[in-house]
């Protein structure tokens, strides 16, 4: 794990001191977590400590960094109280590790909401938050659902991919199932007699086909919008180049009348090439005339 400063300090002494305090707190938390004898408590504390420090390892806000250090000190104090025999703290840590409260309970609820068993088993290979998955995408950073919580997530032990080969096979099978479901939904569509296809022209003049009595898909609307914006940009660029061409032609005539060497041709050639490229793009055809 690569460590960076909790915040950008100009004072190098403060820079080193803060880094030293952060690493010392990290080691103390892991050392204290190893003293818990229950397997589920040891797993929870060890993984959550690593995940929290990994998630905030690039924190640059000084206020936020100091707040996180104070939270770590408080967590260390609570763990020591639990080891000393404080029943309230011991019960609290046990409930966190058993997924009755806290982040594990939230992860279990999210897994239960997934109706497909295969998709739920794939999601169980990484129970971190969405923000954490976006920040750290490596396979080694994943947090797999522990074995003592697989039944809580209503998953059979054999369905959770435990290796890279099984995970790759499960994701490939899920993709194939989704593809078959999409094809099945397409085949089930039965159009009514009045839902016939008709040709429609967008505001930019582009022609597209729509079905009567059927709501236009969002993708089609966005496609036409992007096409209109692109066409307008090309028209604006063409008008700008044409204006430059007129200016250069006028300057060329002026130079010829003065009897001065005309050097505008070398500027006109790239402009003509750009106009030729713009004209090569397909343009919208005007709407067909309608007869009443």
Protein backbone atom coordinates (compact mmCIF):
# COMPACT_ATOMS: atom_id res chain seq x y z
CA UNK A 1 0.00 0.00 0.00
CA UNK A 2 1.41 3.40 -1.01
CA UNK A 3 0.94 6.20 1.47
CA UNK A 4 0.66 9.91 0.80
CA UNK A 5 0.31 12.90 3.05
CA UNK A 6 -3.02 13.49 4.79
CA UNK A 7 -2.71 17.10 3.68
CA UNK A 8 -0.27 19.31 1.81
CA UNK A 9 1.74 21.04 4.51
CA UNK A 10 4.35 23.68 3.74
CA UNK A 11 6.15 22.94 6.98
CA UNK A 12 8.21 19.78 6.41
CA UNK A 13 8.34 19.07 10.14
CA UNK A 14 4.55 19.01 10.23
CA UNK A 15 4.64 16.91 7.05
CA UNK A 16 6.76 14.19 8.67
CA UNK A 17 5.01 14.36 12.03
CA UNK A 18 1.55 13.85 10.54
CA UNK A 19 2.72 10.94 8.41
CA UNK A 20 4.37 9.32 11.41
CA UNK A 21 1.23 9.71 13.54
CA UNK A 22 -0.94 8.21 10.80
CA UNK A 23 1.25 5.15 10.31
CA UNK A 24 1.63 4.66 14.05
CA UNK A 25 -2.15 4.74 14.50
CA UNK A 26 -2.57 2.26 11.65
CA UNK A 27 -0.12 -0.21 13.21
CA UNK A 28 -1.68 0.18 16.66
CA UNK A 29 -5.16 -0.55 15.33
CA UNK A 30 -4.02 -3.68 13.48
CA UNK A 31 -2.04 -4.88 16.50
CA UNK A 32 -5.04 -4.42 18.78
CA UNK A 33 -7.36 -6.14 16.28
CA UNK A 34 -5.17 -9.26 16.32
CA UNK A 35 -5.89 -9.67 20.05
CA UNK A 36 -9.56 -10.49 19.43
CA UNK A 37 -9.96 -14.27 19.53
CA UNK A 38 -13.34 -14.59 17.80
CA UNK A 39 -12.78 -15.25 14.06
CA UNK A 40 -15.64 -13.02 12.87
CA UNK A 41 -14.48 -10.11 15.05
CA UNK A 42 -10.89 -10.50 13.92
CA UNK A 43 -11.97 -10.56 10.25
CA UNK A 44 -14.19 -7.51 10.60
CA UNK A 45 -11.69 -5.35 12.46
CA UNK A 46 -8.74 -6.30 10.28
CA UNK A 47 -10.53 -5.69 6.96
CA UNK A 48 -12.39 -2.56 7.99
CA UNK A 49 -9.25 -0.90 9.37
CA UNK A 50 -7.37 -1.58 6.13
CA UNK A 51 -10.30 -0.42 4.03
CA UNK A 52 -10.79 2.84 5.94
CA UNK A 53 -7.10 3.77 5.72
CA UNK A 54 -6.92 2.76 2.05
CA UNK A 55 -10.02 4.82 1.22
CA UNK A 56 -8.63 8.01 2.85
CA UNK A 57 -4.94 7.53 1.98
CA UNK A 58 -5.01 10.43 -0.52
CA UNK A 59 -6.90 12.89 1.68
CA UNK A 60 -5.60 16.44 1.14
CA UNK A 61 -7.87 18.40 3.49
CA UNK A 62 -6.10 19.20 6.75
CA UNK A 63 -9.36 19.53 8.67
CA UNK A 64 -10.65 16.21 7.35
CA UNK A 65 -7.35 14.46 8.05
CA UNK A 66 -7.30 15.60 11.67
CA UNK A 67 -10.92 14.53 12.06
CA UNK A 68 -10.08 11.06 10.73
CA UNK A 69 -7.13 10.75 13.12
CA UNK A 70 -9.40 11.60 16.04
CA UNK A 71 -11.87 8.95 14.84
CA UNK A 72 -9.05 6.41 14.70
CA UNK A 73 -7.98 7.26 18.25
CA UNK A 74 -11.57 6.81 19.43
CA UNK A 75 -11.83 3.44 17.67
CA UNK A 76 -8.57 2.32 19.28
CA UNK A 77 -9.88 3.35 22.71
CA UNK A 78 -13.11 1.38 22.20
CA UNK A 79 -11.21 -1.73 21.10
CA UNK A 80 -9.00 -1.57 24.18
CA UNK A 81 -12.05 -1.19 26.42
CA UNK A 82 -13.58 -4.29 24.83
CA UNK A 83 -10.39 -6.26 25.44
CA UNK A 84 -10.32 -5.10 29.07
CA UNK A 85 -13.80 -6.57 29.65
CA UNK A 86 -16.21 -3.72 28.95
CA UNK A 87 -19.42 -5.61 28.09
CA UNK A 88 -21.05 -2.71 26.26
CA UNK A 89 -18.10 -2.25 23.90
CA UNK A 90 -17.62 -5.99 23.46
CA UNK A 91 -21.29 -6.42 22.55
CA UNK A 92 -21.09 -3.45 20.15
CA UNK A 93 -18.09 -4.90 18.28
CA UNK A 94 -19.75 -8.33 18.16
CA UNK A 95 -22.88 -6.84 16.60
CA UNK A 96 -20.77 -5.00 14.00
CA UNK A 97 -18.87 -8.18 13.12
CA UNK A 98 -22.09 -10.26 12.99
CA UNK A 99 -23.71 -7.85 10.47
CA UNK A 100 -26.50 -6.89 12.87
CA UNK A 101 -25.58 -3.20 12.64
CA UNK A 102 -23.05 -1.12 10.73
CA UNK A 103 -21.51 -1.40 7.24
CA UNK A 104 -21.74 -5.19 6.99
CA UNK A 105 -25.46 -5.09 7.74
CA UNK A 106 -25.91 -2.49 5.00
CA UNK A 107 -23.95 -4.68 2.55
CA UNK A 108 -26.11 -7.71 3.42
CA UNK A 109 -29.29 -5.71 2.77
CA UNK A 110 -27.99 -4.58 -0.62
CA UNK A 111 -27.15 -8.18 -1.56
CA UNK A 112 -30.60 -9.42 -0.56
CA UNK A 113 -32.23 -6.87 -2.84
CA UNK A 114 -30.60 -8.50 -5.90
CA UNK A 115 -33.18 -10.99 -7.20
CA UNK A 116 -30.90 -12.99 -9.51
CA UNK A 117 -28.85 -15.57 -7.61
CA UNK A 118 -25.92 -15.48 -10.03
CA UNK A 119 -25.71 -11.70 -9.98
CA UNK A 120 -25.91 -11.73 -6.17
CA UNK A 121 -23.04 -14.23 -5.95
CA UNK A 122 -20.88 -12.03 -8.21
CA UNK A 123 -21.71 -8.96 -6.10
CA UNK A 124 -20.65 -10.90 -2.99
CA UNK A 125 -17.06 -10.96 -4.26
CA UNK A 126 -16.74 -7.24 -3.42
CA UNK A 127 -18.94 -5.79 -0.67
CA UNK A 128 -17.23 -2.40 -0.50
CA UNK A 129 -19.06 0.84 -1.12
CA UNK A 130 -19.47 2.12 -4.65
CA UNK A 131 -17.13 5.05 -3.98
CA UNK A 132 -14.43 2.69 -2.72
CA UNK A 133 -14.79 0.43 -5.77
CA UNK A 134 -14.34 3.46 -8.04
CA UNK A 135 -11.23 4.66 -6.18
CA UNK A 136 -9.48 1.29 -5.98
CA UNK A 137 -10.28 -1.04 -8.86
CA UNK A 138 -7.54 -3.64 -8.38
CA UNK A 139 -8.58 -7.21 -7.65
CA UNK A 140 -6.35 -7.31 -4.57
CA UNK A 141 -8.33 -4.43 -3.02
CA UNK A 142 -11.66 -6.27 -3.10
CA UNK A 143 -13.43 -7.30 0.10
CA UNK A 144 -15.11 -10.69 -0.35
CA UNK A 145 -18.13 -11.55 1.77
CA UNK A 146 -16.85 -13.75 4.66
CA UNK A 147 -18.00 -17.34 4.95
CA UNK A 148 -19.93 -16.77 8.20
CA UNK A 149 -22.19 -14.24 6.45
CA UNK A 150 -22.95 -16.17 3.26
CA UNK A 151 -26.11 -17.66 4.74
CA UNK A 152 -27.21 -14.19 5.91
CA UNK A 153 -27.03 -13.05 2.27
CA UNK A 154 -29.15 -16.10 1.27
CA UNK A 155 -26.42 -17.56 -0.89
CA UNK A 156 -25.28 -21.18 -1.14
CA UNK A 157 -21.63 -21.69 -0.31
CA UNK A 158 -20.91 -23.27 -3.69
CA UNK A 159 -22.26 -20.30 -5.71
CA UNK A 160 -19.76 -17.66 -4.52
CA UNK A 161 -16.80 -17.48 -6.97
CA UNK A 162 -13.73 -18.18 -4.87
CA UNK A 163 -11.08 -17.92 -7.61
CA UNK A 164 -10.32 -15.76 -10.62
CA UNK A 165 -11.29 -18.57 -13.01
CA UNK A 166 -14.69 -19.09 -11.35
CA UNK A 167 -15.31 -15.32 -11.23
CA UNK A 168 -14.55 -14.97 -14.95
CA UNK A 169 -16.85 -17.90 -15.77
CA UNK A 170 -19.66 -16.46 -13.62
CA UNK A 171 -19.43 -13.00 -15.23
CA UNK A 172 -19.44 -14.57 -18.70
CA UNK A 173 -22.52 -16.64 -17.83
CA UNK A 174 -24.29 -13.55 -16.45
CA UNK A 175 -23.54 -11.59 -19.63
CA UNK A 176 -24.92 -14.45 -21.73
CA UNK A 177 -28.09 -14.58 -19.64
CA UNK A 178 -28.67 -10.84 -20.00
CA UNK A 179 -28.16 -11.10 -23.76
CA UNK A 180 -30.71 -13.91 -24.00
CA UNK A 181 -33.20 -11.93 -21.91
CA UNK A 182 -32.85 -8.91 -24.21
CA UNK A 183 -33.41 -11.07 -27.26
CA UNK A 184 -36.41 -12.71 -25.62
CA UNK A 185 -37.98 -9.34 -24.82
CA UNK A 186 -37.51 -8.26 -28.42
CA UNK A 187 -39.24 -11.38 -29.71
CA UNK A 188 -42.19 -10.92 -27.35
CA UNK A 189 -43.14 -7.49 -28.76
CA UNK A 190 -46.31 -7.73 -30.85
CA UNK A 191 -47.19 -4.51 -32.63
CA UNK A 192 -50.81 -3.48 -32.95
CA UNK A 193 -52.33 -2.76 -36.38
CA UNK A 194 -52.26 1.01 -35.96
CA UNK A 195 -48.59 1.03 -34.78
CA UNK A 196 -47.13 1.38 -38.24
CA UNK A 197 -43.78 2.87 -39.16
CA UNK A 198 -43.63 6.37 -40.58
CA UNK A 199 -40.89 8.72 -41.75
CA UNK A 200 -40.32 11.84 -39.64
CA UNK A 201 -37.96 14.78 -40.10
CA UNK A 202 -36.15 16.32 -37.15
CA UNK A 203 -35.74 20.08 -36.75
CA UNK A 204 -32.29 19.85 -38.34
CA UNK A 205 -33.71 18.17 -41.45
CA UNK A 206 -32.46 14.64 -40.73
CA UNK A 207 -34.87 11.87 -41.55
CA UNK A 208 -35.60 9.02 -39.15
CA UNK A 209 -38.25 6.33 -38.84
CA UNK A 210 -40.59 6.13 -35.86
CA UNK A 211 -43.54 3.95 -34.96
CA UNK A 212 -46.97 5.46 -34.54
CA UNK A 213 -48.46 5.26 -31.05
CA UNK A 214 -45.10 4.22 -29.52
CA UNK A 215 -43.06 6.49 -27.29
CA UNK A 216 -39.78 7.43 -28.86
CA UNK A 217 -36.85 5.83 -26.98
CA UNK A 218 -34.56 8.16 -25.06
CA UNK A 219 -31.58 6.89 -27.02
CA UNK A 220 -33.19 7.94 -30.30
CA UNK A 221 -33.91 11.44 -28.98
CA UNK A 222 -30.35 11.84 -27.69
CA UNK A 223 -28.97 10.56 -30.99
CA UNK A 224 -30.94 13.16 -32.96
CA UNK A 225 -29.93 15.88 -30.50
CA UNK A 226 -26.22 15.06 -30.78
CA UNK A 227 -26.48 14.86 -34.56
CA UNK A 228 -28.14 18.29 -34.68
CA UNK A 229 -25.45 19.81 -32.44
CA UNK A 230 -22.68 18.29 -34.55
CA UNK A 231 -24.25 19.55 -37.77
CA UNK A 232 -24.64 23.05 -36.32
CA UNK A 233 -20.97 23.10 -35.29
CA UNK A 234 -19.96 22.16 -38.82
CA UNK A 235 -22.18 24.86 -40.29
CA UNK A 236 -20.72 27.47 -37.95
CA UNK A 237 -17.20 26.39 -38.82
CA UNK A 238 -18.03 26.49 -42.54
CA UNK A 239 -19.45 30.03 -42.27
CA UNK A 240 -16.36 31.16 -40.37
CA UNK A 241 -14.03 29.72 -43.01
CA UNK A 242 -16.08 31.28 -45.82
CA UNK A 243 -15.80 34.68 -44.13
CA UNK A 244 -12.02 34.23 -43.88
CA UNK A 245 -11.92 33.24 -47.55
CA UNK A 246 -13.77 36.43 -48.59
CA UNK A 247 -11.38 38.53 -46.52
CA UNK A 248 -8.32 36.89 -48.08
CA UNK A 249 -9.71 37.28 -51.62
CA UNK A 250 -10.37 40.97 -51.00
CA UNK A 251 -6.84 41.36 -49.63
CA UNK A 252 -5.44 39.56 -52.69
CA UNK A 253 -7.22 41.99 -55.07
CA UNK A 254 -5.97 44.91 -53.01
CA UNK A 255 -2.37 43.66 -53.20
CA UNK A 256 -2.62 43.15 -56.97
CA UNK A 257 -3.81 46.75 -57.48
CA UNK A 258 -0.88 48.01 -55.44
CA UNK A 259 1.54 45.88 -57.45
CA UNK A 260 2.76 44.07 -54.34
CA UNK A 261 3.61 40.38 -54.26
CA UNK A 262 0.50 38.36 -53.44
CA UNK A 263 1.18 35.79 -50.67
CA UNK A 264 -2.41 34.96 -49.77
CA UNK A 265 -2.48 31.70 -51.76
CA UNK A 266 -0.56 29.83 -49.08
CA UNK A 267 -3.23 30.86 -46.58
CA UNK A 268 -6.15 30.01 -48.86
CA UNK A 269 -5.08 26.41 -49.53
CA UNK A 270 -5.61 25.04 -45.95
CA UNK A 271 -8.92 26.89 -45.75
CA UNK A 272 -10.11 25.28 -49.00
CA UNK A 273 -8.99 21.86 -47.68
CA UNK A 274 -11.01 22.36 -44.49
CA UNK A 275 -14.09 23.41 -46.46
CA UNK A 276 -13.74 20.37 -48.69
CA UNK A 277 -13.55 18.11 -45.64
CA UNK A 278 -16.64 19.71 -44.10
CA UNK A 279 -18.59 19.34 -47.34
CA UNK A 280 -17.74 15.63 -47.44
CA UNK A 281 -19.87 14.96 -44.33
CA UNK A 282 -23.48 13.87 -44.97
CA UNK A 283 -25.94 16.70 -44.73
CA UNK A 284 -29.57 16.73 -43.76
CA UNK A 285 -31.99 16.58 -46.64
CA UNK A 286 -34.87 19.05 -46.66
CA UNK A 287 -38.25 17.69 -45.60
CA UNK A 288 -40.36 16.29 -48.38
CA UNK A 289 -43.24 18.54 -49.49
CA UNK A 290 -46.60 17.48 -48.11
CA UNK A 291 -49.81 17.61 -50.12
CA UNK A 292 -53.11 18.19 -48.42
